[in-house]
Amino acid sequence: MFQIGKTIVSEDIIEKDFLCNLSACKGACCVDGDAGAPLDANEATILETIYPIVKPYLRKESVDAIEAQGTHIVTTDGELETPLLDGADCVYVIYDDKNTALCAIEEAYNQGEVDWKKPVSCHLYPVRVKQYSEFSAVNYDNWEICDAACELGKELQVPVYKFVKEALIRKFGADWYAELEQVAAKHKLKHTK
């Protein structure tokens, strides 16, 4: 673990390799698991605002679930999340012609209809951020559904932090990321001696 500003960062972020292999996993991280995507309060507001624009991209059952549950939910722990469809898919999941799970929000973004790509927690994956009162913990979430992504990342030598560069900058800023790159370079140098 190392510290950058008010974050405590796992060394796995710089030591492990990862490159999403959507053709292998079919977007399983959006449909497996037992919870929706974590949101902050600002993101919950954004979801409410953009829902009418994203709605035409959604499956009918997703629209029905959102109309019943809302664009986001509050868990029993008081956390904000995207709702799930029948306890599985995130309600914002859509499928392409190869049955790969995609994000309707990101599709609307790609079409230039909204200027918000998707929840930062989704954008950051496989990095997870847990907020504590004095700091944020930045960890790598090793999940077997991403084994193909780990293999591809290793083959192409793409460390986790480089794979999620855009998302890390979105979450913590360019200066934070520049410091992370310095830490990673020193770490690599130390471990290649």
N, C-alpha and C. Protein backbone atom coordinates (compact mmCIF):
# COMPACT_ATOMS: atom_id res chain seq x y z
N MET A 1 0.85 -1.19 0.00
CA MET A 1 0.00 0.00 0.00
C MET A 1 0.89 1.24 0.00
N PHE A 2 0.41 2.28 -0.66
CA PHE A 2 1.11 3.55 -0.63
C PHE A 2 0.06 4.66 -0.62
N GLN A 3 0.49 5.84 -0.25
CA GLN A 3 -0.42 6.96 -0.12
C GLN A 3 -0.16 8.02 -1.19
N ILE A 4 -1.24 8.51 -1.77
CA ILE A 4 -1.19 9.67 -2.66
C ILE A 4 -2.28 10.61 -2.17
N GLY A 5 -1.88 11.74 -1.65
CA GLY A 5 -2.86 12.68 -1.09
C GLY A 5 -3.69 12.00 -0.02
N LYS A 6 -5.01 12.05 -0.19
CA LYS A 6 -5.91 11.44 0.79
C LYS A 6 -6.41 10.08 0.32
N THR A 7 -5.56 9.39 -0.44
CA THR A 7 -5.91 8.04 -0.89
C THR A 7 -4.84 7.06 -0.44
N ILE A 8 -5.29 5.87 -0.09
CA ILE A 8 -4.40 4.75 0.20
C ILE A 8 -4.61 3.77 -0.96
N VAL A 9 -3.54 3.49 -1.69
CA VAL A 9 -3.63 2.75 -2.94
C VAL A 9 -2.95 1.38 -2.80
N SER A 10 -3.64 0.35 -3.24
CA SER A 10 -3.09 -1.00 -3.25
C SER A 10 -2.01 -1.12 -4.32
N GLU A 11 -0.93 -1.80 -4.00
CA GLU A 11 0.13 -2.03 -4.98
C GLU A 11 -0.35 -2.88 -6.15
N ASP A 12 -1.44 -3.61 -5.96
CA ASP A 12 -1.99 -4.41 -7.06
C ASP A 12 -2.34 -3.54 -8.26
N ILE A 13 -2.69 -2.30 -8.02
CA ILE A 13 -3.06 -1.37 -9.10
C ILE A 13 -1.90 -1.19 -10.08
N ILE A 14 -0.67 -1.22 -9.56
CA ILE A 14 0.49 -1.04 -10.43
C ILE A 14 1.19 -2.36 -10.77
N GLU A 15 0.95 -3.40 -9.98
CA GLU A 15 1.62 -4.69 -10.20
C GLU A 15 0.84 -5.64 -11.11
N LYS A 16 -0.48 -5.59 -11.06
CA LYS A 16 -1.32 -6.50 -11.85
C LYS A 16 -1.59 -5.92 -13.22
N ASP A 17 -1.81 -6.81 -14.18
CA ASP A 17 -2.12 -6.41 -15.55
C ASP A 17 -3.59 -6.68 -15.84
N PHE A 18 -4.17 -5.84 -16.72
CA PHE A 18 -5.60 -5.96 -17.01
C PHE A 18 -5.92 -5.22 -18.30
N LEU A 19 -6.64 -5.87 -19.17
CA LEU A 19 -7.16 -5.23 -20.38
C LEU A 19 -8.48 -5.91 -20.70
N CYS A 20 -9.56 -5.19 -20.51
CA CYS A 20 -10.89 -5.75 -20.68
C CYS A 20 -10.98 -6.51 -22.01
N ASN A 21 -11.51 -7.73 -21.92
CA ASN A 21 -11.66 -8.59 -23.10
C ASN A 21 -13.15 -8.90 -23.25
N LEU A 22 -13.88 -7.91 -23.73
CA LEU A 22 -15.33 -7.99 -23.80
C LEU A 22 -15.82 -9.17 -24.63
N SER A 23 -15.06 -9.55 -25.64
CA SER A 23 -15.48 -10.69 -26.46
C SER A 23 -15.43 -11.99 -25.68
N ALA A 24 -14.60 -12.04 -24.65
CA ALA A 24 -14.49 -13.25 -23.82
C ALA A 24 -15.50 -13.25 -22.67
N CYS A 25 -15.62 -12.13 -21.98
CA CYS A 25 -16.47 -12.10 -20.78
C CYS A 25 -17.92 -11.72 -21.07
N LYS A 26 -18.17 -11.11 -22.22
CA LYS A 26 -19.51 -10.68 -22.62
C LYS A 26 -20.13 -9.67 -21.67
N GLY A 27 -19.29 -8.90 -20.95
CA GLY A 27 -19.80 -7.87 -20.05
C GLY A 27 -20.37 -8.42 -18.76
N ALA A 28 -19.82 -9.53 -18.31
CA ALA A 28 -20.35 -10.21 -17.12
C ALA A 28 -20.38 -9.33 -15.87
N CYS A 29 -19.46 -8.36 -15.76
CA CYS A 29 -19.42 -7.52 -14.56
C CYS A 29 -20.68 -6.66 -14.42
N CYS A 30 -21.41 -6.48 -15.51
CA CYS A 30 -22.64 -5.69 -15.47
C CYS A 30 -23.88 -6.54 -15.17
N VAL A 31 -23.71 -7.87 -15.18
CA VAL A 31 -24.87 -8.75 -14.97
C VAL A 31 -24.68 -9.73 -13.82
N ASP A 32 -23.44 -9.98 -13.42
CA ASP A 32 -23.18 -10.88 -12.29
C ASP A 32 -23.02 -10.06 -11.02
N GLY A 33 -23.08 -10.73 -9.91
CA GLY A 33 -22.93 -10.04 -8.64
C GLY A 33 -24.27 -9.87 -7.95
N ASP A 34 -24.23 -9.23 -6.80
CA ASP A 34 -25.45 -9.11 -6.01
C ASP A 34 -25.83 -7.67 -5.70
N ALA A 35 -25.24 -6.72 -6.42
CA ALA A 35 -25.54 -5.32 -6.17
C ALA A 35 -25.36 -4.52 -7.45
N GLY A 36 -26.00 -3.37 -7.48
CA GLY A 36 -25.84 -2.47 -8.62
C GLY A 36 -24.54 -1.70 -8.50
N ALA A 37 -24.30 -0.82 -9.46
CA ALA A 37 -23.09 -0.01 -9.47
C ALA A 37 -23.18 1.05 -8.37
N PRO A 38 -22.13 1.17 -7.55
CA PRO A 38 -22.12 2.23 -6.54
C PRO A 38 -22.17 3.61 -7.18
N LEU A 39 -22.92 4.51 -6.56
CA LEU A 39 -23.08 5.88 -7.05
C LEU A 39 -22.79 6.87 -5.93
N ASP A 40 -22.39 8.09 -6.30
CA ASP A 40 -22.37 9.14 -5.29
C ASP A 40 -23.64 9.99 -5.51
N ALA A 41 -23.92 10.91 -4.60
CA ALA A 41 -25.17 11.68 -4.66
C ALA A 41 -25.28 12.46 -5.96
N ASN A 42 -24.18 13.03 -6.43
CA ASN A 42 -24.18 13.79 -7.67
C ASN A 42 -24.56 12.89 -8.85
N GLU A 43 -24.04 11.67 -8.86
CA GLU A 43 -24.35 10.75 -9.95
C GLU A 43 -25.82 10.33 -9.93
N ALA A 44 -26.38 10.17 -8.73
CA ALA A 44 -27.80 9.83 -8.64
C ALA A 44 -28.65 10.94 -9.25
N THR A 45 -28.27 12.17 -9.02
CA THR A 45 -28.97 13.32 -9.61
C THR A 45 -28.82 13.32 -11.13
N ILE A 46 -27.61 13.04 -11.60
CA ILE A 46 -27.37 12.98 -13.05
C ILE A 46 -28.26 11.90 -13.69
N LEU A 47 -28.34 10.73 -13.05
CA LEU A 47 -29.18 9.65 -13.60
C LEU A 47 -30.63 10.10 -13.73
N GLU A 48 -31.15 10.80 -12.74
CA GLU A 48 -32.52 11.30 -12.81
C GLU A 48 -32.68 12.26 -13.99
N THR A 49 -31.68 13.11 -14.18
CA THR A 49 -31.73 14.13 -15.23
C THR A 49 -31.66 13.52 -16.63
N ILE A 50 -30.77 12.55 -16.82
CA ILE A 50 -30.56 12.01 -18.17
C ILE A 50 -31.48 10.84 -18.50
N TYR A 51 -32.21 10.34 -17.53
CA TYR A 51 -33.06 9.17 -17.78
C TYR A 51 -33.97 9.32 -19.01
N PRO A 52 -34.65 10.46 -19.19
CA PRO A 52 -35.50 10.57 -20.38
C PRO A 52 -34.73 10.41 -21.70
N ILE A 53 -33.45 10.80 -21.71
CA ILE A 53 -32.63 10.68 -22.93
C ILE A 53 -32.14 9.24 -23.11
N VAL A 54 -31.83 8.58 -22.01
CA VAL A 54 -31.31 7.21 -22.04
C VAL A 54 -32.44 6.19 -22.25
N LYS A 55 -33.63 6.53 -21.80
CA LYS A 55 -34.76 5.60 -21.82
C LYS A 55 -34.98 4.90 -23.16
N PRO A 56 -34.90 5.60 -24.32
CA PRO A 56 -35.12 4.89 -25.59
C PRO A 56 -34.08 3.80 -25.89
N TYR A 57 -32.94 3.84 -25.24
CA TYR A 57 -31.91 2.83 -25.46
C TYR A 57 -32.17 1.57 -24.63
N LEU A 58 -33.00 1.68 -23.61
CA LEU A 58 -33.20 0.60 -22.65
C LEU A 58 -34.17 -0.47 -23.14
N ARG A 59 -34.01 -1.67 -22.58
CA ARG A 59 -34.97 -2.74 -22.83
C ARG A 59 -36.26 -2.42 -22.08
N LYS A 60 -37.37 -2.94 -22.57
CA LYS A 60 -38.66 -2.66 -21.93
C LYS A 60 -38.67 -3.07 -20.46
N GLU A 61 -38.10 -4.25 -20.17
CA GLU A 61 -38.10 -4.70 -18.77
C GLU A 61 -37.26 -3.78 -17.87
N SER A 62 -36.24 -3.17 -18.44
CA SER A 62 -35.44 -2.21 -17.68
C SER A 62 -36.22 -0.94 -17.39
N VAL A 63 -36.93 -0.46 -18.41
CA VAL A 63 -37.78 0.72 -18.21
C VAL A 63 -38.80 0.44 -17.13
N ASP A 64 -39.44 -0.74 -17.18
CA ASP A 64 -40.43 -1.11 -16.17
C ASP A 64 -39.80 -1.13 -14.78
N ALA A 65 -38.59 -1.68 -14.66
CA ALA A 65 -37.91 -1.76 -13.36
C ALA A 65 -37.55 -0.36 -12.85
N ILE A 66 -37.09 0.50 -13.73
CA ILE A 66 -36.75 1.87 -13.32
C ILE A 66 -38.00 2.64 -12.93
N GLU A 67 -39.08 2.44 -13.67
CA GLU A 67 -40.34 3.13 -13.33
C GLU A 67 -40.82 2.67 -11.95
N ALA A 68 -40.55 1.41 -11.60
CA ALA A 68 -40.97 0.88 -10.30
C ALA A 68 -40.01 1.24 -9.17
N GLN A 69 -38.67 1.16 -9.45
CA GLN A 69 -37.67 1.35 -8.39
C GLN A 69 -37.05 2.74 -8.36
N GLY A 70 -37.07 3.42 -9.49
CA GLY A 70 -36.39 4.70 -9.61
C GLY A 70 -35.09 4.54 -10.39
N THR A 71 -34.47 5.65 -10.74
CA THR A 71 -33.24 5.61 -11.53
C THR A 71 -32.06 5.15 -10.69
N HIS A 72 -32.23 5.17 -9.38
CA HIS A 72 -31.22 4.65 -8.44
C HIS A 72 -31.95 4.19 -7.20
N ILE A 73 -31.25 3.41 -6.38
CA ILE A 73 -31.85 2.93 -5.12
C ILE A 73 -30.92 3.30 -3.96
N VAL A 74 -31.48 3.23 -2.77
CA VAL A 74 -30.70 3.40 -1.54
C VAL A 74 -30.71 2.04 -0.84
N THR A 75 -29.52 1.49 -0.58
CA THR A 75 -29.43 0.17 0.05
C THR A 75 -29.76 0.27 1.53
N THR A 76 -29.85 -0.88 2.18
CA THR A 76 -30.11 -0.90 3.61
C THR A 76 -28.98 -0.25 4.41
N ASP A 77 -27.79 -0.18 3.80
CA ASP A 77 -26.65 0.50 4.44
C ASP A 77 -26.62 1.99 4.14
N GLY A 78 -27.63 2.47 3.40
CA GLY A 78 -27.68 3.88 3.06
C GLY A 78 -26.83 4.27 1.86
N GLU A 79 -26.31 3.26 1.14
CA GLU A 79 -25.49 3.53 -0.05
C GLU A 79 -26.39 3.68 -1.28
N LEU A 80 -25.94 4.47 -2.24
CA LEU A 80 -26.65 4.65 -3.49
C LEU A 80 -26.10 3.68 -4.54
N GLU A 81 -27.01 3.08 -5.32
CA GLU A 81 -26.62 2.13 -6.37
C GLU A 81 -27.58 2.22 -7.53
N THR A 82 -27.13 1.67 -8.67
CA THR A 82 -28.08 1.48 -9.77
C THR A 82 -28.97 0.30 -9.40
N PRO A 83 -30.23 0.33 -9.79
CA PRO A 83 -31.12 -0.80 -9.50
C PRO A 83 -30.73 -2.02 -10.33
N LEU A 84 -31.20 -3.17 -9.90
CA LEU A 84 -30.99 -4.41 -10.63
C LEU A 84 -32.30 -4.86 -11.26
N LEU A 85 -32.18 -5.61 -12.31
CA LEU A 85 -33.33 -6.20 -12.97
C LEU A 85 -33.42 -7.65 -12.51
N ASP A 86 -34.45 -7.97 -11.76
CA ASP A 86 -34.65 -9.33 -11.23
C ASP A 86 -33.42 -9.84 -10.47
N GLY A 87 -32.74 -8.96 -9.75
CA GLY A 87 -31.60 -9.36 -8.92
C GLY A 87 -30.36 -9.74 -9.69
N ALA A 88 -30.29 -9.42 -10.98
CA ALA A 88 -29.12 -9.80 -11.79
C ALA A 88 -28.57 -8.60 -12.55
N ASP A 89 -29.02 -8.40 -13.79
CA ASP A 89 -28.49 -7.32 -14.62
C ASP A 89 -28.70 -5.95 -13.98
N CYS A 90 -27.74 -5.08 -14.17
CA CYS A 90 -27.95 -3.66 -13.90
C CYS A 90 -29.07 -3.22 -14.85
N VAL A 91 -29.97 -2.37 -14.39
CA VAL A 91 -31.10 -1.97 -15.24
C VAL A 91 -30.65 -1.20 -16.48
N TYR A 92 -29.43 -0.70 -16.48
CA TYR A 92 -28.94 0.07 -17.63
C TYR A 92 -28.23 -0.80 -18.66
N VAL A 93 -28.24 -2.12 -18.45
CA VAL A 93 -27.62 -3.04 -19.40
C VAL A 93 -28.50 -3.22 -20.62
N ILE A 94 -27.83 -3.19 -21.78
CA ILE A 94 -28.45 -3.56 -23.04
C ILE A 94 -27.55 -4.61 -23.68
N TYR A 95 -28.05 -5.31 -24.69
CA TYR A 95 -27.26 -6.37 -25.32
C TYR A 95 -27.09 -6.09 -26.81
N ASP A 96 -25.87 -6.37 -27.29
CA ASP A 96 -25.64 -6.24 -28.73
C ASP A 96 -26.03 -7.53 -29.44
N ASP A 97 -25.79 -7.60 -30.74
CA ASP A 97 -26.20 -8.77 -31.51
C ASP A 97 -25.38 -10.03 -31.20
N LYS A 98 -24.30 -9.88 -30.42
CA LYS A 98 -23.51 -11.03 -30.00
C LYS A 98 -23.81 -11.41 -28.54
N ASN A 99 -24.89 -10.84 -28.00
CA ASN A 99 -25.32 -11.07 -26.63
C ASN A 99 -24.30 -10.59 -25.60
N THR A 100 -23.58 -9.54 -25.94
CA THR A 100 -22.62 -8.91 -25.02
C THR A 100 -23.33 -7.78 -24.29
N ALA A 101 -23.19 -7.76 -22.97
CA ALA A 101 -23.80 -6.71 -22.16
C ALA A 101 -23.06 -5.40 -22.37
N LEU A 102 -23.81 -4.37 -22.68
CA LEU A 102 -23.28 -3.03 -22.85
C LEU A 102 -24.07 -2.08 -21.96
N CYS A 103 -23.63 -0.84 -21.86
CA CYS A 103 -24.29 0.14 -21.01
C CYS A 103 -25.10 1.11 -21.86
N ALA A 104 -26.39 1.22 -21.58
CA ALA A 104 -27.25 2.14 -22.32
C ALA A 104 -26.82 3.59 -22.12
N ILE A 105 -26.33 3.91 -20.93
CA ILE A 105 -25.86 5.27 -20.67
C ILE A 105 -24.66 5.56 -21.56
N GLU A 106 -23.73 4.61 -21.63
CA GLU A 106 -22.54 4.81 -22.45
C GLU A 106 -22.91 4.86 -23.93
N GLU A 107 -23.91 4.11 -24.33
CA GLU A 107 -24.35 4.16 -25.72
C GLU A 107 -24.91 5.54 -26.05
N ALA A 108 -25.72 6.11 -25.15
CA ALA A 108 -26.24 7.47 -25.36
C ALA A 108 -25.08 8.47 -25.40
N TYR A 109 -24.08 8.26 -24.56
CA TYR A 109 -22.88 9.10 -24.55
C TYR A 109 -22.13 8.99 -25.89
N ASN A 110 -21.94 7.76 -26.35
CA ASN A 110 -21.24 7.54 -27.62
C ASN A 110 -21.97 8.16 -28.81
N GLN A 111 -23.29 8.26 -28.69
CA GLN A 111 -24.10 8.87 -29.75
C GLN A 111 -24.19 10.39 -29.61
N GLY A 112 -23.53 10.94 -28.57
CA GLY A 112 -23.51 12.39 -28.37
C GLY A 112 -24.79 12.95 -27.76
N GLU A 113 -25.60 12.08 -27.18
CA GLU A 113 -26.87 12.54 -26.62
C GLU A 113 -26.77 12.97 -25.16
N VAL A 114 -25.79 12.44 -24.43
CA VAL A 114 -25.52 12.88 -23.05
C VAL A 114 -24.02 13.12 -22.94
N ASP A 115 -23.63 13.94 -21.97
CA ASP A 115 -22.19 14.22 -21.80
C ASP A 115 -21.61 13.53 -20.57
N TRP A 116 -22.31 12.52 -20.07
CA TRP A 116 -21.87 11.74 -18.91
C TRP A 116 -21.72 10.30 -19.36
N LYS A 117 -20.51 9.76 -19.28
CA LYS A 117 -20.22 8.44 -19.86
C LYS A 117 -20.93 7.29 -19.16
N LYS A 118 -20.83 7.25 -17.86
CA LYS A 118 -21.46 6.22 -17.03
C LYS A 118 -21.00 6.47 -15.60
N PRO A 119 -21.55 5.75 -14.62
CA PRO A 119 -21.07 5.94 -13.25
C PRO A 119 -19.56 5.70 -13.17
N VAL A 120 -18.88 6.52 -12.38
CA VAL A 120 -17.42 6.40 -12.29
C VAL A 120 -17.01 5.04 -11.75
N SER A 121 -17.84 4.43 -10.91
CA SER A 121 -17.50 3.10 -10.37
C SER A 121 -17.43 2.06 -11.50
N CYS A 122 -18.27 2.22 -12.51
CA CYS A 122 -18.23 1.31 -13.67
C CYS A 122 -17.01 1.61 -14.53
N HIS A 123 -16.77 2.89 -14.73
CA HIS A 123 -15.64 3.34 -15.55
C HIS A 123 -14.31 2.89 -14.95
N LEU A 124 -14.25 2.86 -13.62
CA LEU A 124 -13.02 2.48 -12.91
C LEU A 124 -12.76 0.98 -12.88
N TYR A 125 -13.79 0.17 -13.09
CA TYR A 125 -13.62 -1.27 -12.87
C TYR A 125 -12.47 -1.83 -13.73
N PRO A 126 -11.56 -2.62 -13.13
CA PRO A 126 -11.61 -3.41 -11.91
C PRO A 126 -11.09 -2.70 -10.64
N VAL A 127 -10.98 -1.40 -10.68
CA VAL A 127 -10.58 -0.66 -9.49
C VAL A 127 -11.84 -0.29 -8.71
N ARG A 128 -11.78 -0.50 -7.42
CA ARG A 128 -12.87 -0.13 -6.53
C ARG A 128 -12.36 0.90 -5.54
N VAL A 129 -13.17 1.91 -5.28
CA VAL A 129 -12.81 2.96 -4.32
C VAL A 129 -13.80 2.91 -3.17
N LYS A 130 -13.27 2.82 -1.97
CA LYS A 130 -14.10 2.82 -0.76
C LYS A 130 -13.78 4.10 0.00
N GLN A 131 -14.80 4.89 0.26
CA GLN A 131 -14.62 6.16 0.94
C GLN A 131 -14.71 5.96 2.46
N TYR A 132 -13.72 6.44 3.16
CA TYR A 132 -13.72 6.47 4.63
C TYR A 132 -13.72 7.93 5.05
N SER A 133 -13.86 8.21 6.33
CA SER A 133 -13.96 9.61 6.77
C SER A 133 -12.70 10.41 6.47
N GLU A 134 -11.52 9.81 6.59
CA GLU A 134 -10.27 10.55 6.42
C GLU A 134 -9.55 10.28 5.10
N PHE A 135 -9.92 9.22 4.40
CA PHE A 135 -9.22 8.86 3.17
C PHE A 135 -10.09 7.97 2.29
N SER A 136 -9.63 7.75 1.08
CA SER A 136 -10.27 6.80 0.17
C SER A 136 -9.31 5.63 -0.04
N ALA A 137 -9.84 4.41 -0.01
CA ALA A 137 -9.04 3.22 -0.30
C ALA A 137 -9.25 2.87 -1.77
N VAL A 138 -8.14 2.73 -2.50
CA VAL A 138 -8.19 2.43 -3.93
C VAL A 138 -7.62 1.02 -4.11
N ASN A 139 -8.48 0.08 -4.47
CA ASN A 139 -8.09 -1.33 -4.54
C ASN A 139 -8.43 -1.96 -5.88
N TYR A 140 -7.71 -3.01 -6.17
CA TYR A 140 -7.97 -3.83 -7.34
C TYR A 140 -8.92 -4.94 -6.94
N ASP A 141 -10.01 -5.12 -7.70
CA ASP A 141 -10.99 -6.14 -7.42
C ASP A 141 -10.74 -7.33 -8.35
N ASN A 142 -10.15 -8.38 -7.80
CA ASN A 142 -9.82 -9.56 -8.59
C ASN A 142 -11.03 -10.49 -8.60
N TRP A 143 -11.65 -10.64 -9.76
CA TRP A 143 -12.87 -11.44 -9.90
C TRP A 143 -12.66 -12.41 -11.04
N GLU A 144 -12.98 -13.68 -10.84
CA GLU A 144 -12.67 -14.71 -11.83
C GLU A 144 -13.33 -14.46 -13.19
N ILE A 145 -14.43 -13.71 -13.22
CA ILE A 145 -15.06 -13.43 -14.51
C ILE A 145 -14.15 -12.58 -15.40
N CYS A 146 -13.12 -11.97 -14.79
CA CYS A 146 -12.18 -11.13 -15.54
C CYS A 146 -10.85 -11.84 -15.83
N ASP A 147 -10.81 -13.16 -15.69
CA ASP A 147 -9.56 -13.90 -15.95
C ASP A 147 -9.03 -13.62 -17.36
N ALA A 148 -9.93 -13.57 -18.35
CA ALA A 148 -9.49 -13.31 -19.73
C ALA A 148 -8.88 -11.91 -19.84
N ALA A 149 -9.40 -10.96 -19.10
CA ALA A 149 -8.86 -9.59 -19.10
C ALA A 149 -7.47 -9.57 -18.46
N CYS A 150 -7.29 -10.36 -17.42
CA CYS A 150 -5.97 -10.45 -16.78
C CYS A 150 -4.95 -11.07 -17.73
N GLU A 151 -5.37 -12.13 -18.44
CA GLU A 151 -4.48 -12.79 -19.40
C GLU A 151 -4.10 -11.85 -20.54
N LEU A 152 -5.09 -11.13 -21.07
CA LEU A 152 -4.82 -10.19 -22.17
C LEU A 152 -3.94 -9.04 -21.69
N GLY A 153 -4.20 -8.53 -20.50
CA GLY A 153 -3.39 -7.46 -19.94
C GLY A 153 -1.95 -7.89 -19.76
N LYS A 154 -1.77 -9.13 -19.29
CA LYS A 154 -0.42 -9.65 -19.10
C LYS A 154 0.29 -9.83 -20.45
N GLU A 155 -0.44 -10.36 -21.41
CA GLU A 155 0.13 -10.58 -22.74
C GLU A 155 0.59 -9.26 -23.37
N LEU A 156 -0.23 -8.22 -23.21
CA LEU A 156 0.08 -6.92 -23.82
C LEU A 156 0.77 -5.96 -22.86
N GLN A 157 1.03 -6.43 -21.64
CA GLN A 157 1.74 -5.66 -20.61
C GLN A 157 1.06 -4.32 -20.32
N VAL A 158 -0.22 -4.41 -19.96
CA VAL A 158 -1.00 -3.22 -19.60
C VAL A 158 -1.36 -3.31 -18.12
N PRO A 159 -0.68 -2.54 -17.27
CA PRO A 159 -1.03 -2.56 -15.85
C PRO A 159 -2.43 -1.97 -15.61
N VAL A 160 -3.05 -2.39 -14.54
CA VAL A 160 -4.40 -1.94 -14.20
C VAL A 160 -4.50 -0.42 -14.27
N TYR A 161 -3.55 0.28 -13.65
CA TYR A 161 -3.66 1.73 -13.57
C TYR A 161 -3.63 2.39 -14.95
N LYS A 162 -2.98 1.76 -15.92
CA LYS A 162 -2.97 2.32 -17.29
C LYS A 162 -4.30 2.02 -17.99
N PHE A 163 -4.85 0.85 -17.73
CA PHE A 163 -6.13 0.49 -18.33
C PHE A 163 -7.23 1.47 -17.90
N VAL A 164 -7.21 1.88 -16.64
CA VAL A 164 -8.26 2.77 -16.11
C VAL A 164 -7.79 4.21 -15.98
N LYS A 165 -6.79 4.60 -16.75
CA LYS A 165 -6.23 5.95 -16.66
C LYS A 165 -7.31 7.04 -16.74
N GLU A 166 -8.13 7.00 -17.78
CA GLU A 166 -9.16 8.03 -17.96
C GLU A 166 -10.08 8.11 -16.75
N ALA A 167 -10.48 6.95 -16.23
CA ALA A 167 -11.39 6.92 -15.08
C ALA A 167 -10.71 7.42 -13.81
N LEU A 168 -9.43 7.05 -13.61
CA LEU A 168 -8.70 7.54 -12.43
C LEU A 168 -8.54 9.05 -12.47
N ILE A 169 -8.27 9.59 -13.64
CA ILE A 169 -8.18 11.05 -13.78
C ILE A 169 -9.55 11.69 -13.53
N ARG A 170 -10.58 11.06 -14.03
CA ARG A 170 -11.95 11.55 -13.80
C ARG A 170 -12.26 11.59 -12.30
N LYS A 171 -11.83 10.57 -11.58
CA LYS A 171 -12.13 10.46 -10.15
C LYS A 171 -11.22 11.33 -9.29
N PHE A 172 -9.92 11.29 -9.55
CA PHE A 172 -8.96 11.93 -8.64
C PHE A 172 -8.21 13.12 -9.23
N GLY A 173 -8.24 13.29 -10.55
CA GLY A 173 -7.57 14.42 -11.19
C GLY A 173 -6.24 14.04 -11.82
N ALA A 174 -5.79 14.89 -12.73
CA ALA A 174 -4.56 14.64 -13.50
C ALA A 174 -3.31 14.66 -12.62
N ASP A 175 -3.27 15.55 -11.64
CA ASP A 175 -2.10 15.62 -10.75
C ASP A 175 -1.95 14.34 -9.94
N TRP A 176 -3.08 13.82 -9.45
CA TRP A 176 -3.06 12.56 -8.70
C TRP A 176 -2.53 11.44 -9.59
N TYR A 177 -3.02 11.39 -10.83
CA TYR A 177 -2.58 10.33 -11.74
C TYR A 177 -1.10 10.46 -12.07
N ALA A 178 -0.63 11.68 -12.24
CA ALA A 178 0.80 11.89 -12.52
C ALA A 178 1.65 11.37 -11.36
N GLU A 179 1.18 11.59 -10.14
CA GLU A 179 1.91 11.08 -8.98
C GLU A 179 1.87 9.55 -8.95
N LEU A 180 0.74 8.97 -9.33
CA LEU A 180 0.63 7.51 -9.41
C LEU A 180 1.63 6.96 -10.43
N GLU A 181 1.77 7.62 -11.56
CA GLU A 181 2.74 7.18 -12.57
C GLU A 181 4.17 7.22 -12.02
N GLN A 182 4.48 8.24 -11.23
CA GLN A 182 5.82 8.34 -10.62
C GLN A 182 6.05 7.19 -9.64
N VAL A 183 5.04 6.91 -8.83
CA VAL A 183 5.14 5.80 -7.88
C VAL A 183 5.33 4.49 -8.63
N ALA A 184 4.55 4.29 -9.70
CA ALA A 184 4.64 3.06 -10.49
C ALA A 184 6.02 2.91 -11.12
N ALA A 185 6.59 4.00 -11.63
CA ALA A 185 7.92 3.95 -12.25
C ALA A 185 8.99 3.58 -11.22
N LYS A 186 8.92 4.17 -10.03
CA LYS A 186 9.88 3.86 -8.97
C LYS A 186 9.70 2.41 -8.51
N HIS A 187 8.46 1.97 -8.41
CA HIS A 187 8.16 0.61 -7.98
C HIS A 187 8.72 -0.40 -8.99
N LYS A 188 8.53 -0.13 -10.27
CA LYS A 188 9.03 -1.01 -11.32
C LYS A 188 10.55 -1.07 -11.30
N LEU A 189 11.16 0.09 -11.15
CA LEU A 189 12.64 0.16 -11.10
C LEU A 189 13.17 -0.64 -9.92
N LYS A 190 12.53 -0.49 -8.77
CA LYS A 190 12.94 -1.20 -7.56
C LYS A 190 12.82 -2.71 -7.72
N HIS A 191 11.79 -3.16 -8.44
CA HIS A 191 11.55 -4.60 -8.57
C HIS A 191 12.21 -5.23 -9.80
N THR A 192 12.90 -4.44 -10.60
CA THR A 192 13.63 -5.01 -11.73
C THR A 192 15.12 -5.12 -11.43
N LYS A 193 15.54 -4.62 -10.29
CA LYS A 193 16.96 -4.69 -9.90
C LYS A 193 17.31 -6.07 -9.38
